[in-house]
C-alpha atoms as a PDB file:
ATOM      1  CA  MET A   1       0.000   0.000   0.000  1.00  0.00           C
ATOM      2  CA  THR A   2       1.530   3.312  -1.036  1.00  0.00           C
ATOM      3  CA  VAL A   3      -0.712   5.508   1.134  1.00  0.00           C
ATOM      4  CA  ASP A   4       0.354   5.964   4.763  1.00  0.00           C
ATOM      5  CA  LEU A   5      -1.583   3.465   6.944  1.00  0.00           C
ATOM      6  CA  THR A   6      -2.674   6.092   9.443  1.00  0.00           C
ATOM      7  CA  GLU A   7      -3.881   8.447   6.716  1.00  0.00           C
ATOM      8  CA  PHE A   8      -5.719   5.603   4.958  1.00  0.00           C
ATOM      9  CA  ALA A   9      -7.400   4.419   8.186  1.00  0.00           C
ATOM     10  CA  ARG A  10      -8.350   7.932   9.311  1.00  0.00           C
ATOM     11  CA  GLY A  11      -9.937   8.641   5.930  1.00  0.00           C
ATOM     12  CA  ILE A  12     -12.176   5.594   6.274  1.00  0.00           C
ATOM     13  CA  PHE A  13     -12.945   6.319   9.925  1.00  0.00           C
ATOM     14  CA  GLU A  14     -13.906   9.929   9.230  1.00  0.00           C
ATOM     15  CA  ALA A  15     -16.293   8.725   6.499  1.00  0.00           C
ATOM     16  CA  GLN A  16     -18.318   6.754   9.111  1.00  0.00           C
ATOM     17  CA  PRO A  17     -21.232   8.909  10.342  1.00  0.00           C
ATOM     18  CA  PHE A  18     -22.089   6.441  13.127  1.00  0.00           C
ATOM     19  CA  SER A  19     -18.590   6.664  14.610  1.00  0.00           C
ATOM     20  CA  GLY A  20     -18.936  10.435  14.720  1.00  0.00           C
ATOM     21  CA  PHE A  21     -22.376  10.139  16.320  1.00  0.00           C
ATOM     22  CA  LEU A  22     -20.905   8.028  19.131  1.00  0.00           C
ATOM     23  CA  GLY A  23     -17.923  10.361  19.553  1.00  0.00           C
ATOM     24  CA  ALA A  24     -15.509   7.524  18.760  1.00  0.00           C
ATOM     25  CA  GLU A  25     -11.829   8.137  18.071  1.00  0.00           C
ATOM     26  CA  LEU A  26      -9.422   5.985  16.084  1.00  0.00           C
ATOM     27  CA  THR A  27      -6.405   6.354  18.363  1.00  0.00           C
ATOM     28  CA  GLU A  28      -3.870   3.839  17.010  1.00  0.00           C
ATOM     29  CA  VAL A  29      -3.306   1.807  13.862  1.00  0.00           C
ATOM     30  CA  GLY A  30      -0.648  -0.661  12.796  1.00  0.00           C
ATOM     31  CA  ALA A  31      -0.101  -2.978   9.867  1.00  0.00           C
ATOM     32  CA  ASP A  32      -2.554  -5.463  11.438  1.00  0.00           C
ATOM     33  CA  SER A  33      -4.011  -3.687  14.462  1.00  0.00           C
ATOM     34  CA  ALA A  34      -6.309  -0.882  15.549  1.00  0.00           C
ATOM     35  CA  GLU A  35      -7.455   0.881  18.698  1.00  0.00           C
ATOM     36  CA  ILE A  36     -10.743   2.787  18.980  1.00  0.00           C
ATOM     37  CA  ARG A  37     -12.024   4.724  22.023  1.00  0.00           C
ATOM     38  CA  VAL A  38     -15.340   6.163  23.132  1.00  0.00           C
ATOM     39  CA  GLY A  39     -15.783   8.461  26.111  1.00  0.00           C
ATOM     40  CA  ASN A  40     -18.482   7.454  28.574  1.00  0.00           C
ATOM     41  CA  ARG A  41     -21.501   9.738  28.759  1.00  0.00           C
ATOM     42  CA  LYS A  42     -25.059   9.296  29.975  1.00  0.00           C
ATOM     43  CA  GLU A  43     -26.490   8.829  26.462  1.00  0.00           C
ATOM     44  CA  LEU A  44     -24.341   5.695  26.012  1.00  0.00           C
ATOM     45  CA  GLN A  45     -25.402   4.004  29.251  1.00  0.00           C
ATOM     46  CA  GLN A  46     -28.082   1.461  30.003  1.00  0.00           C
ATOM     47  CA  GLN A  47     -30.514   1.611  32.942  1.00  0.00           C
ATOM     48  CA  HIS A  48     -27.933   0.490  35.549  1.00  0.00           C
ATOM     49  CA  GLY A  49     -25.385   3.129  34.531  1.00  0.00           C
ATOM     50  CA  PHE A  50     -23.097   0.704  32.686  1.00  0.00           C
ATOM     51  CA  ILE A  51     -21.929   1.487  29.157  1.00  0.00           C
ATOM     52  CA  HIS A  52     -24.494  -0.139  26.873  1.00  0.00           C
ATOM     53  CA  GLY A  53     -23.588  -3.466  25.292  1.00  0.00           C
ATOM     54  CA  GLY A  54     -24.393  -2.003  21.878  1.00  0.00           C
ATOM     55  CA  VAL A  55     -21.572   0.531  22.291  1.00  0.00           C
ATOM     56  CA  ILE A  56     -19.193  -2.241  23.328  1.00  0.00           C
ATOM     57  CA  SER A  57     -20.335  -4.310  20.342  1.00  0.00           C
ATOM     58  CA  TYR A  58     -19.769  -1.360  17.984  1.00  0.00           C
ATOM     59  CA  LEU A  59     -16.221  -0.987  19.310  1.00  0.00           C
ATOM     60  CA  ALA A  60     -15.513  -4.694  18.828  1.00  0.00           C
ATOM     61  CA  ASP A  61     -16.965  -4.789  15.304  1.00  0.00           C
ATOM     62  CA  ASN A  62     -15.275  -1.630  14.067  1.00  0.00           C
ATOM     63  CA  SER A  63     -11.850  -2.311  15.584  1.00  0.00           C
ATOM     64  CA  LEU A  64     -11.893  -5.907  14.295  1.00  0.00           C
ATOM     65  CA  THR A  65     -12.710  -4.613  10.815  1.00  0.00           C
ATOM     66  CA  PHE A  66      -9.980  -1.985  10.929  1.00  0.00           C
ATOM     67  CA  ALA A  67      -7.363  -4.502  12.095  1.00  0.00           C
ATOM     68  CA  GLY A  68      -8.438  -6.985   9.408  1.00  0.00           C
ATOM     69  CA  GLY A  69      -8.665  -4.361   6.679  1.00  0.00           C
ATOM     70  CA  LEU A  70      -5.212  -3.039   7.469  1.00  0.00           C
ATOM     71  CA  ALA A  71      -3.792  -6.585   7.481  1.00  0.00           C
ATOM     72  CA  LEU A  72      -5.479  -7.230   4.119  1.00  0.00           C
ATOM     73  CA  GLY A  73      -4.147  -3.955   2.724  1.00  0.00           C
ATOM     74  CA  GLY A  74      -7.410  -2.277   1.814  1.00  0.00           C
ATOM     75  CA  ASP A  75     -11.090  -1.794   2.356  1.00  0.00           C
ATOM     76  CA  ALA A  76     -12.864  -4.551   4.287  1.00  0.00           C
ATOM     77  CA  LEU A  77     -16.127  -5.680   5.844  1.00  0.00           C
ATOM     78  CA  THR A  78     -17.049  -7.886   8.775  1.00  0.00           C
ATOM     79  CA  ALA A  79     -18.220 -11.338   7.639  1.00  0.00           C
ATOM     80  CA  GLU A  80     -18.965 -12.459  11.207  1.00  0.00           C
ATOM     81  CA  TYR A  81     -17.984 -11.814  14.786  1.00  0.00           C
ATOM     82  CA  LYS A  82     -18.680 -13.118  18.256  1.00  0.00           C
ATOM     83  CA  ILE A  83     -18.489 -11.195  21.501  1.00  0.00           C
ATOM     84  CA  ASN A  84     -18.328 -12.280  25.132  1.00  0.00           C
ATOM     85  CA  TYR A  85     -19.225  -9.699  27.769  1.00  0.00           C
ATOM     86  CA  VAL A  86     -17.179 -10.553  30.856  1.00  0.00           C
ATOM     87  CA  LYS A  87     -17.807  -7.626  33.222  1.00  0.00           C
ATOM     88  CA  PRO A  88     -20.087  -4.558  33.338  1.00  0.00           C
ATOM     89  CA  ALA A  89     -18.419  -1.531  31.756  1.00  0.00           C
ATOM     90  CA  LEU A  90     -17.873   1.343  34.181  1.00  0.00           C
ATOM     91  CA  GLY A  91     -15.308   4.068  33.661  1.00  0.00           C
ATOM     92  CA  ASP A  92     -14.513   7.289  31.872  1.00  0.00           C
ATOM     93  CA  VAL A  93     -13.458   5.742  28.561  1.00  0.00           C
ATOM     94  CA  ILE A  94     -13.934   2.431  26.799  1.00  0.00           C
ATOM     95  CA  ILE A  95     -11.134   1.170  24.536  1.00  0.00           C
ATOM     96  CA  ALA A  96     -11.109  -1.618  21.973  1.00  0.00           C
ATOM     97  CA  ARG A  97      -7.794  -3.080  20.822  1.00  0.00           C
ATOM     98  CA  ALA A  98      -7.902  -5.473  17.889  1.00  0.00           C
ATOM     99  CA  LYS A  99      -5.276  -7.473  16.023  1.00  0.00           C
ATOM    100  CA  ALA A 100      -5.302  -9.771  13.004  1.00  0.00           C
ATOM    101  CA  VAL A 101      -4.031 -13.202  14.036  1.00  0.00           C
ATOM    102  CA  VAL A 102      -4.366 -15.076  10.710  1.00  0.00           C
ATOM    103  CA  THR A 103      -4.506 -13.447   7.292  1.00  0.00           C
ATOM    104  CA  THR A 104      -5.044 -15.005   3.877  1.00  0.00           C
ATOM    105  CA  ARG A 105      -5.426 -13.282   0.528  1.00  0.00           C
ATOM    106  CA  ARG A 106      -9.159 -12.576   1.047  1.00  0.00           C
ATOM    107  CA  GLN A 107      -9.819 -12.744   4.795  1.00  0.00           C
ATOM    108  CA  ALA A 108      -8.379 -12.089   8.233  1.00  0.00           C
ATOM    109  CA  VAL A 109      -9.333 -13.657  11.535  1.00  0.00           C
ATOM    110  CA  CYS A 110      -8.973 -11.054  14.264  1.00  0.00           C
ATOM    111  CA  THR A 111      -9.259 -10.824  18.030  1.00  0.00           C
ATOM    112  CA  CYS A 112     -10.260  -7.862  20.164  1.00  0.00           C
ATOM    113  CA  SER A 113     -10.147  -6.965  23.837  1.00  0.00           C
ATOM    114  CA  ILE A 114     -12.375  -4.190  25.161  1.00  0.00           C
ATOM    115  CA  PHE A 115     -11.436  -2.324  28.334  1.00  0.00           C
ATOM    116  CA  ALA A 116     -13.211   0.195  30.549  1.00  0.00           C
ATOM    117  CA  VAL A 117     -10.759   2.752  31.911  1.00  0.00           C
ATOM    118  CA  GLY A 118     -11.321   4.654  35.122  1.00  0.00           C
ATOM    119  CA  ASP A 119      -9.643   5.683  38.371  1.00  0.00           C
ATOM    120  CA  ARG A 120      -8.449   2.119  38.979  1.00  0.00           C
ATOM    121  CA  GLY A 121      -6.926   1.634  35.531  1.00  0.00           C
ATOM    122  CA  GLU A 122      -8.083  -0.695  32.764  1.00  0.00           C
ATOM    123  CA  LYS A 123     -10.612  -3.469  33.371  1.00  0.00           C
ATOM    124  CA  LEU A 124     -11.367  -6.070  30.711  1.00  0.00           C
ATOM    125  CA  VAL A 125     -15.105  -5.947  29.939  1.00  0.00           C
ATOM    126  CA  ALA A 126     -15.419  -7.975  26.718  1.00  0.00           C
ATOM    127  CA  VAL A 127     -13.517 -10.097  24.218  1.00  0.00           C
ATOM    128  CA  ALA A 128     -14.411 -10.669  20.589  1.00  0.00           C
ATOM    129  CA  GLN A 129     -13.254 -12.581  17.540  1.00  0.00           C
ATOM    130  CA  GLY A 130     -14.236 -11.979  13.945  1.00  0.00           C
ATOM    131  CA  THR A 131     -13.635 -12.815  10.317  1.00  0.00           C
ATOM    132  CA  ILE A 132     -12.972  -9.821   8.103  1.00  0.00           C
ATOM    133  CA  VAL A 133     -13.132  -9.996   4.302  1.00  0.00           C
ATOM    134  CA  ALA A 134     -11.443  -7.851   1.694  1.00  0.00           C
ATOM    135  CA  VAL A 135     -13.741  -5.700  -0.436  1.00  0.00           C
ATOM    136  CA  GLU A 136     -12.989  -5.307  -4.103  1.00  0.00           C
ATOM    137  CA  ARG A 137     -14.499  -2.383  -5.980  1.00  0.00           C
ATOM    138  CA  GLY A 138     -17.719  -3.667  -7.508  1.00  0.00           C
ATOM    139  CA  ASP A 139     -18.321  -6.302  -4.775  1.00  0.00           C
END
């Protein structure tokens, strides 16, 4: 890929209206990895004050797709993913860190860990795994 990875990833991220709606930030990218953050606010919480599972799921899906797309060297989509919620999400910020673990010509299998960050540091709140597929123009 001749375009800088960060520039390429930021261009795609900034073209996502839903990410902007949530206030998400793409904070790190690598050749096969991505980190996305969302600040906690009342509108993103469920009735018990925890960050809503839908927000956590968004972070897993989008960071998995970014990690897989970067590993595949281009635009990508999620073919499938699975998430396990392991602890309620409380904190100031929620962070998803994803990495491609196996990449072929057309797909990448990726893993993701999602953390809530607060006064006591990072707490793992969910883990996810997904299959990401390369998108060709015209697909």
